[in-house]
Amino acid sequence: MSSTEPPEPRSQHCLLALESSCDETAAAVCTLDGELISSRIASQIDIHRQYGGVVPEVASRNHILHARALVEQVLADAGKELGDMAAFAATSGPGLVSSLLIGTSMAKALAVAENKPFLAVNHMEGHLLSPFMNGNGPVRPSVALIVSGGHTMLVHVRETGRYELLGRTRDDAAGEAFDKVAKMIGLPYPGGPEIDKLARQGDPAAFAFPRSFLDGTSLEFSFSGLKTAVLYELPKLDLQNEQTLTNLCASVQAAIIEVLVEKLVLAAKRSRETLVTVSGGVSCNRGLREALTARCGKEGLQLLLARPDLCTDNAGMIAFAAVQRFNAGHTSPLEADVNPNLSLVD
């Protein structure tokens, strides 16, 4: 019998990824089999709350402060060393240029130091593929709804790297609408979770807010009209009355959710797909999750929702997307630049 030791199991080879596209600094380690084994996030919500939104310069400075410690922590959590990594990855866009540069610069430096490949990852692809994590893989044909603070889009997924854009917002994203309405009515940043919480005590039919492009034909989104309708309604209301406030939040949320759910179902029917996925920060919204579960069950659609901790910006989804690319033989040149307007589809 040969005394040669068997090759190291593939699952012991890992990839480390960094995410710094906006105001969250994150690092994660994922096996090349797609198993997320460690993930950490340094949140800046409390820092930016005092400004009512993200300040790019403040965000980038805090990325610098947290990035190295996060890398050390996720490696320790995973029981790995830098030399155990098969590749290094980072979000290259879309996002804030000054923030993107921190994560990509560090990932490139680690790749050079360890003589390993580097992968530039599209932040939106991270969101797109995140529902397939945690044993829900492999990535397969489906219709995806990505709904976040900066993006609302429907995408037909053929396979990893083959995507067709079916529809997107023409103005405000759903998350942006939530946050802007919340700011109008004096709720703290980020406003989306606050509206979701208050909406549970309110009447979603109290106010008849508009549902743009909800005619059964368009897959485009528009939420600016909703925001304007709320603005015109506010002078008539006493928001010190708790019931009025909760009714307003419930009605705003109902208007956004109805559009998202109806268009996802329409897109699935047109694409003749029975699997639908939902990801992005707004997909943490409990009202949306409940509505999606109910409607997809009624329509006979299989629904994959990204796990809540993988919905907001995180490096776990970036690592998973990078693993899919790496396993397909793709890497990125070290000269690859960040792109604040990087598109998911060409």
Protein backbone atom coordinates (compact mmCIF):
# COMPACT_ATOMS: atom_id res chain seq x y z
CA MET A 1 0.00 0.00 0.00
CA SER A 2 1.35 3.41 -0.88
CA SER A 3 2.43 5.57 2.05
CA THR A 4 1.68 8.74 0.11
CA GLU A 5 -0.69 10.96 2.08
CA PRO A 6 -4.04 11.66 0.41
CA PRO A 7 -4.49 15.11 -1.10
CA GLU A 8 -5.84 17.82 1.16
CA PRO A 9 -9.65 17.89 0.97
CA ARG A 10 -10.95 20.60 -1.33
CA SER A 11 -13.13 22.01 1.46
CA GLN A 12 -9.97 23.02 3.35
CA HIS A 13 -9.04 25.48 0.61
CA CYS A 14 -10.62 28.84 1.25
CA LEU A 15 -11.10 32.33 -0.11
CA LEU A 16 -11.05 35.55 1.90
CA ALA A 17 -13.19 38.51 0.83
CA LEU A 18 -13.57 42.13 1.87
CA GLU A 19 -16.63 44.35 1.48
CA SER A 20 -16.37 48.14 1.83
CA SER A 21 -18.74 49.55 -0.78
CA CYS A 22 -20.54 51.96 1.53
CA ASP A 23 -20.53 52.31 5.32
CA GLU A 24 -20.08 48.71 6.48
CA THR A 25 -16.60 47.22 6.76
CA ALA A 26 -16.76 43.44 6.43
CA ALA A 27 -14.55 40.41 5.97
CA ALA A 28 -15.37 36.74 5.47
CA VAL A 29 -13.81 33.37 4.75
CA CYS A 30 -15.59 30.87 2.51
CA THR A 31 -14.50 27.40 1.42
CA LEU A 32 -14.19 26.65 -2.27
CA ASP A 33 -17.23 24.43 -1.81
CA GLY A 34 -19.23 27.56 -1.01
CA GLU A 35 -19.51 27.08 2.75
CA LEU A 36 -19.27 30.34 4.71
CA ILE A 37 -17.13 29.54 7.75
CA SER A 38 -16.52 32.99 9.22
CA SER A 39 -17.94 36.46 8.69
CA ARG A 40 -17.68 39.72 10.59
CA ILE A 41 -19.04 43.24 10.08
CA ALA A 42 -18.02 46.54 11.66
CA SER A 43 -21.12 48.71 11.42
CA GLN A 44 -20.99 52.49 11.12
CA ILE A 45 -24.72 53.11 11.59
CA ASP A 46 -24.29 54.92 14.90
CA ILE A 47 -21.60 57.15 13.40
CA HIS A 48 -23.65 58.23 10.39
CA ARG A 49 -26.99 58.46 12.22
CA GLN A 50 -26.07 61.91 13.52
CA TYR A 51 -25.79 63.13 9.91
CA GLY A 52 -29.01 61.48 8.74
CA GLY A 53 -27.12 59.51 6.09
CA VAL A 54 -23.73 58.22 4.99
CA VAL A 55 -20.84 60.70 4.79
CA PRO A 56 -18.31 59.23 2.29
CA GLU A 57 -15.14 60.63 3.88
CA VAL A 58 -16.17 59.47 7.34
CA ALA A 59 -17.03 56.03 5.94
CA SER A 60 -13.68 55.55 4.22
CA ARG A 61 -11.70 56.63 7.29
CA ASN A 62 -13.54 54.10 9.41
CA HIS A 63 -12.93 51.36 6.84
CA ILE A 64 -9.21 51.97 7.30
CA LEU A 65 -9.59 51.67 11.07
CA HIS A 66 -11.48 48.36 10.97
CA ALA A 67 -10.25 46.40 7.93
CA ARG A 68 -7.06 44.83 9.32
CA ALA A 69 -8.66 43.79 12.62
CA LEU A 70 -11.59 42.20 10.77
CA VAL A 71 -9.29 40.15 8.56
CA GLU A 72 -7.42 38.90 11.61
CA GLN A 73 -10.68 38.06 13.37
CA VAL A 74 -12.28 36.09 10.51
CA LEU A 75 -9.08 34.11 10.01
CA ALA A 76 -8.99 33.28 13.73
CA ASP A 77 -12.69 32.37 13.69
CA ALA A 78 -12.10 30.03 10.75
CA GLY A 79 -8.95 28.55 12.25
CA LYS A 80 -7.05 29.54 9.12
CA GLU A 81 -4.00 31.56 8.14
CA LEU A 82 -3.40 33.79 5.15
CA GLY A 83 -1.40 31.02 3.55
CA ASP A 84 -4.45 28.77 3.59
CA MET A 85 -6.29 31.09 1.21
CA ALA A 86 -6.52 30.08 -2.44
CA ALA A 87 -7.48 33.62 -3.46
CA PHE A 88 -8.50 37.03 -2.17
CA ALA A 89 -11.50 39.06 -3.28
CA ALA A 90 -13.12 42.44 -2.71
CA THR A 91 -16.11 44.45 -3.85
CA SER A 92 -15.09 46.62 -6.81
CA GLY A 93 -18.43 48.39 -7.33
CA PRO A 94 -20.98 49.81 -7.36
CA GLY A 95 -20.55 52.00 -4.31
CA LEU A 96 -18.63 54.97 -2.95
CA VAL A 97 -15.22 55.31 -4.63
CA SER A 98 -13.39 56.28 -1.45
CA SER A 99 -14.88 53.29 0.36
CA LEU A 100 -14.38 50.76 -2.43
CA LEU A 101 -10.69 51.64 -2.64
CA ILE A 102 -10.03 50.53 0.95
CA GLY A 103 -11.27 46.97 0.55
CA THR A 104 -9.85 46.41 -2.93
CA SER A 105 -6.45 47.85 -2.00
CA MET A 106 -6.18 45.57 1.00
CA ALA A 107 -7.32 42.47 -0.91
CA LYS A 108 -4.84 43.20 -3.69
CA ALA A 109 -2.04 43.68 -1.16
CA LEU A 110 -2.84 40.34 0.47
CA ALA A 111 -2.96 38.64 -2.93
CA VAL A 112 0.48 40.03 -3.82
CA ALA A 113 1.95 39.16 -0.41
CA GLU A 114 0.69 35.58 -0.60
CA ASN A 115 1.26 35.21 -4.37
CA LYS A 116 -2.40 34.26 -4.84
CA PRO A 117 -5.06 35.41 -7.33
CA PHE A 118 -7.29 38.44 -6.81
CA LEU A 119 -10.96 38.68 -7.76
CA ALA A 120 -12.92 41.90 -8.20
CA VAL A 121 -16.57 41.23 -7.31
CA ASN A 122 -19.70 43.12 -8.29
CA HIS A 123 -21.58 44.06 -5.12
CA MET A 124 -24.91 43.39 -6.83
CA GLU A 125 -23.80 39.91 -7.87
CA GLY A 126 -23.10 39.26 -4.21
CA HIS A 127 -26.69 40.16 -3.37
CA LEU A 128 -27.99 38.27 -6.40
CA LEU A 129 -26.35 34.97 -5.41
CA SER A 130 -26.76 35.24 -1.63
CA PRO A 131 -30.06 33.27 -1.52
CA PHE A 132 -28.13 30.24 -2.81
CA MET A 133 -25.87 30.21 0.24
CA ASN A 134 -26.32 28.01 3.32
CA GLY A 135 -27.02 24.79 1.48
CA ASN A 136 -29.47 26.29 -1.02
CA GLY A 137 -27.09 25.90 -3.96
CA PRO A 138 -26.08 25.34 -6.58
CA VAL A 139 -26.90 28.56 -8.42
CA ARG A 140 -29.62 27.68 -10.91
CA PRO A 141 -32.11 29.33 -13.29
CA SER A 142 -34.42 31.70 -11.45
CA VAL A 143 -35.87 35.19 -11.34
CA ALA A 144 -34.33 37.42 -8.71
CA LEU A 145 -35.55 40.54 -6.97
CA ILE A 146 -32.72 42.63 -5.55
CA VAL A 147 -34.14 45.30 -3.30
CA SER A 148 -31.88 47.57 -1.26
CA GLY A 149 -31.21 51.16 -0.33
CA GLY A 150 -29.67 52.02 -3.67
CA HIS A 151 -31.07 49.40 -6.03
CA THR A 152 -34.35 47.78 -6.99
CA MET A 153 -34.14 45.40 -9.94
CA LEU A 154 -35.46 42.18 -11.41
CA VAL A 155 -32.91 39.83 -12.93
CA HIS A 156 -33.27 36.58 -14.87
CA VAL A 157 -30.48 34.27 -13.69
CA ARG A 158 -29.47 31.65 -16.27
CA GLU A 159 -26.34 30.51 -14.43
CA THR A 160 -23.46 32.17 -12.62
CA GLY A 161 -22.31 35.08 -14.79
CA ARG A 162 -25.27 34.91 -17.21
CA TYR A 163 -27.85 37.46 -16.18
CA GLU A 164 -30.58 39.38 -17.97
CA LEU A 165 -31.95 42.60 -16.53
CA LEU A 166 -35.75 42.48 -16.67
CA GLY A 167 -36.59 45.73 -14.93
CA ARG A 168 -35.25 48.35 -12.55
CA THR A 169 -36.29 51.50 -10.77
CA ARG A 170 -36.48 54.67 -12.84
CA ASP A 171 -35.87 56.91 -9.83
CA ASP A 172 -35.75 56.05 -6.12
CA ALA A 173 -34.99 52.51 -4.99
CA ALA A 174 -37.41 50.90 -2.55
CA GLY A 175 -34.96 51.23 0.34
CA GLU A 176 -34.36 54.85 -0.54
CA ALA A 177 -38.11 55.49 -0.49
CA PHE A 178 -38.37 53.90 2.95
CA ASP A 179 -35.49 55.98 4.30
CA LYS A 180 -36.68 59.26 2.77
CA VAL A 181 -40.21 58.84 4.09
CA ALA A 182 -38.81 57.94 7.49
CA LYS A 183 -36.72 61.10 7.50
CA MET A 184 -39.78 63.20 6.56
CA ILE A 185 -41.70 61.92 9.56
CA GLY A 186 -38.80 62.20 11.99
CA LEU A 187 -37.76 58.58 12.39
CA PRO A 188 -34.08 57.79 13.04
CA TYR A 189 -31.64 56.59 10.35
CA PRO A 190 -31.83 54.01 8.86
CA GLY A 191 -35.55 54.50 8.52
CA GLY A 192 -36.64 51.31 6.76
CA PRO A 193 -36.51 49.07 9.85
CA GLU A 194 -38.31 51.76 11.88
CA ILE A 195 -41.18 51.92 9.40
CA ASP A 196 -41.40 48.11 9.35
CA LYS A 197 -41.67 48.02 13.13
CA LEU A 198 -44.36 50.73 13.35
CA ALA A 199 -46.29 49.33 10.37
CA ARG A 200 -47.16 46.20 12.33
CA GLN A 201 -49.47 48.26 14.57
CA GLY A 202 -51.06 50.23 11.75
CA ASP A 203 -53.79 49.95 9.13
CA PRO A 204 -52.28 49.45 5.64
CA ALA A 205 -55.49 50.73 4.05
CA ALA A 206 -55.63 53.99 6.01
CA PHE A 207 -54.03 55.99 3.18
CA ALA A 208 -54.38 55.32 -0.55
CA PHE A 209 -50.83 55.90 -1.74
CA PRO A 210 -49.90 55.38 -5.42
CA ARG A 211 -48.56 52.12 -6.88
CA SER A 212 -46.60 53.24 -9.94
CA PHE A 213 -46.42 51.02 -13.07
CA LEU A 214 -48.73 48.47 -11.46
CA ASP A 215 -50.69 47.78 -14.63
CA GLY A 216 -49.70 44.18 -15.21
CA THR A 217 -47.41 44.99 -18.14
CA SER A 218 -44.31 46.86 -16.93
CA LEU A 219 -41.43 45.39 -14.95
CA GLU A 220 -40.05 48.84 -14.17
CA PHE A 221 -40.29 50.44 -10.72
CA SER A 222 -40.85 54.01 -9.54
CA PHE A 223 -41.15 55.16 -5.94
CA SER A 224 -40.70 58.92 -6.28
CA GLY A 225 -44.46 59.40 -6.68
CA LEU A 226 -45.07 57.65 -3.38
CA LYS A 227 -42.54 59.88 -1.66
CA THR A 228 -44.23 62.99 -3.10
CA ALA A 229 -47.68 61.76 -2.07
CA VAL A 230 -46.49 61.34 1.51
CA LEU A 231 -44.95 64.83 1.45
CA TYR A 232 -48.29 66.37 0.43
CA GLU A 233 -50.17 64.35 3.04
CA LEU A 234 -47.98 65.29 6.01
CA PRO A 235 -49.34 68.85 6.60
CA LYS A 236 -52.79 67.33 7.16
CA LEU A 237 -51.62 64.89 9.82
CA ASP A 238 -50.89 64.93 13.52
CA LEU A 239 -47.95 62.58 13.80
CA GLN A 240 -47.94 62.98 17.56
CA ASN A 241 -50.98 60.71 17.43
CA GLU A 242 -49.52 57.22 17.60
CA GLN A 243 -52.29 55.61 15.56
CA THR A 244 -51.89 58.17 12.79
CA LEU A 245 -48.15 57.50 12.68
CA THR A 246 -48.52 53.72 12.58
CA ASN A 247 -51.26 53.96 9.94
CA LEU A 248 -49.02 56.13 7.78
CA CYS A 249 -46.11 53.69 8.10
CA ALA A 250 -48.36 50.71 7.36
CA SER A 251 -49.82 52.40 4.27
CA VAL A 252 -46.41 53.40 2.90
CA GLN A 253 -45.06 49.91 3.47
CA ALA A 254 -48.11 48.29 1.85
CA ALA A 255 -47.68 50.43 -1.27
CA ILE A 256 -44.03 49.45 -1.65
CA ILE A 257 -44.58 45.77 -0.89
CA GLU A 258 -47.48 45.35 -3.29
CA VAL A 259 -45.42 46.66 -6.19
CA LEU A 260 -42.42 44.47 -5.34
CA VAL A 261 -44.46 41.29 -4.96
CA GLU A 262 -46.65 41.78 -8.04
CA LYS A 263 -43.72 42.55 -10.33
CA LEU A 264 -41.68 39.60 -9.09
CA VAL A 265 -44.57 37.24 -9.80
CA LEU A 266 -45.13 38.83 -13.23
CA ALA A 267 -41.41 38.49 -14.07
CA ALA A 268 -41.41 34.82 -13.05
CA LYS A 269 -44.42 34.07 -15.24
CA ARG A 270 -42.93 35.86 -18.23
CA SER A 271 -39.60 34.10 -17.81
CA ARG A 272 -41.30 30.76 -17.21
CA GLU A 273 -39.27 30.14 -14.08
CA THR A 274 -40.68 28.48 -10.98
CA LEU A 275 -37.84 29.53 -8.66
CA VAL A 276 -37.68 33.12 -7.40
CA THR A 277 -35.09 34.64 -5.08
CA VAL A 278 -35.10 37.83 -3.04
CA SER A 279 -32.10 39.60 -1.54
CA GLY A 280 -30.78 43.00 -0.48
CA GLY A 281 -31.24 45.02 2.69
CA VAL A 282 -34.96 45.66 2.20
CA SER A 283 -35.60 41.91 2.03
CA CYS A 284 -35.09 41.90 5.82
CA ASN A 285 -38.46 43.68 6.03
CA ARG A 286 -40.82 41.30 7.84
CA GLY A 287 -43.90 42.58 6.04
CA LEU A 288 -42.26 41.92 2.68
CA ARG A 289 -41.16 38.43 3.68
CA GLU A 290 -44.63 37.52 4.84
CA ALA A 291 -46.25 38.87 1.68
CA LEU A 292 -43.76 37.08 -0.56
CA THR A 293 -44.20 33.78 1.25
CA ALA A 294 -47.98 33.97 0.98
CA ARG A 295 -48.08 35.03 -2.66
CA CYS A 296 -45.44 32.59 -3.90
CA GLY A 297 -47.26 29.76 -2.12
CA LYS A 298 -50.47 30.77 -3.87
CA GLU A 299 -48.75 30.95 -7.28
CA GLY A 300 -46.85 27.66 -6.86
CA LEU A 301 -43.46 29.39 -6.92
CA GLN A 302 -40.45 28.21 -4.94
CA LEU A 303 -39.10 31.12 -2.90
CA LEU A 304 -35.51 31.49 -1.68
CA LEU A 305 -34.95 34.41 0.67
CA ALA A 306 -31.44 35.43 1.61
CA ARG A 307 -30.78 34.86 5.31
CA PRO A 308 -31.33 38.15 7.19
CA ASP A 309 -27.69 38.52 8.20
CA LEU A 310 -26.73 38.11 4.53
CA CYS A 311 -29.23 40.68 3.25
CA THR A 312 -27.47 43.86 4.35
CA ASP A 313 -23.94 44.62 3.13
CA ASN A 314 -21.62 41.80 4.17
CA ALA A 315 -18.49 40.06 2.95
CA GLY A 316 -20.02 36.59 3.12
CA MET A 317 -22.00 37.15 -0.06
CA ILE A 318 -18.93 38.66 -1.74
CA ALA A 319 -16.87 35.61 -0.81
CA PHE A 320 -19.59 33.27 -2.11
CA ALA A 321 -19.86 35.13 -5.43
CA ALA A 322 -16.06 35.14 -5.74
CA VAL A 323 -15.94 31.37 -5.14
CA GLN A 324 -18.39 30.81 -8.00
CA ARG A 325 -16.19 32.86 -10.31
CA PHE A 326 -12.94 31.32 -9.06
CA ASN A 327 -14.22 27.78 -9.52
CA ALA A 328 -15.15 28.68 -13.09
CA GLY A 329 -11.55 29.72 -13.73
CA HIS A 330 -11.95 33.50 -13.49
CA THR A 331 -9.59 35.92 -11.75
CA SER A 332 -9.01 39.68 -12.03
CA PRO A 333 -5.88 41.65 -12.88
CA LEU A 334 -4.31 43.62 -10.07
CA GLU A 335 -4.72 46.69 -12.27
CA ALA A 336 -8.52 46.32 -12.13
CA ASP A 337 -9.98 49.60 -10.92
CA VAL A 338 -13.03 50.22 -8.77
CA ASN A 339 -16.18 51.44 -10.52
CA PRO A 340 -18.82 53.32 -8.50
CA ASN A 341 -21.36 52.73 -11.29
CA LEU A 342 -20.50 49.12 -12.06
CA SER A 343 -23.38 47.38 -13.83
CA LEU A 344 -24.51 43.84 -13.11
CA VAL A 345 -25.24 43.23 -16.80
CA ASP A 346 -23.47 44.69 -19.83
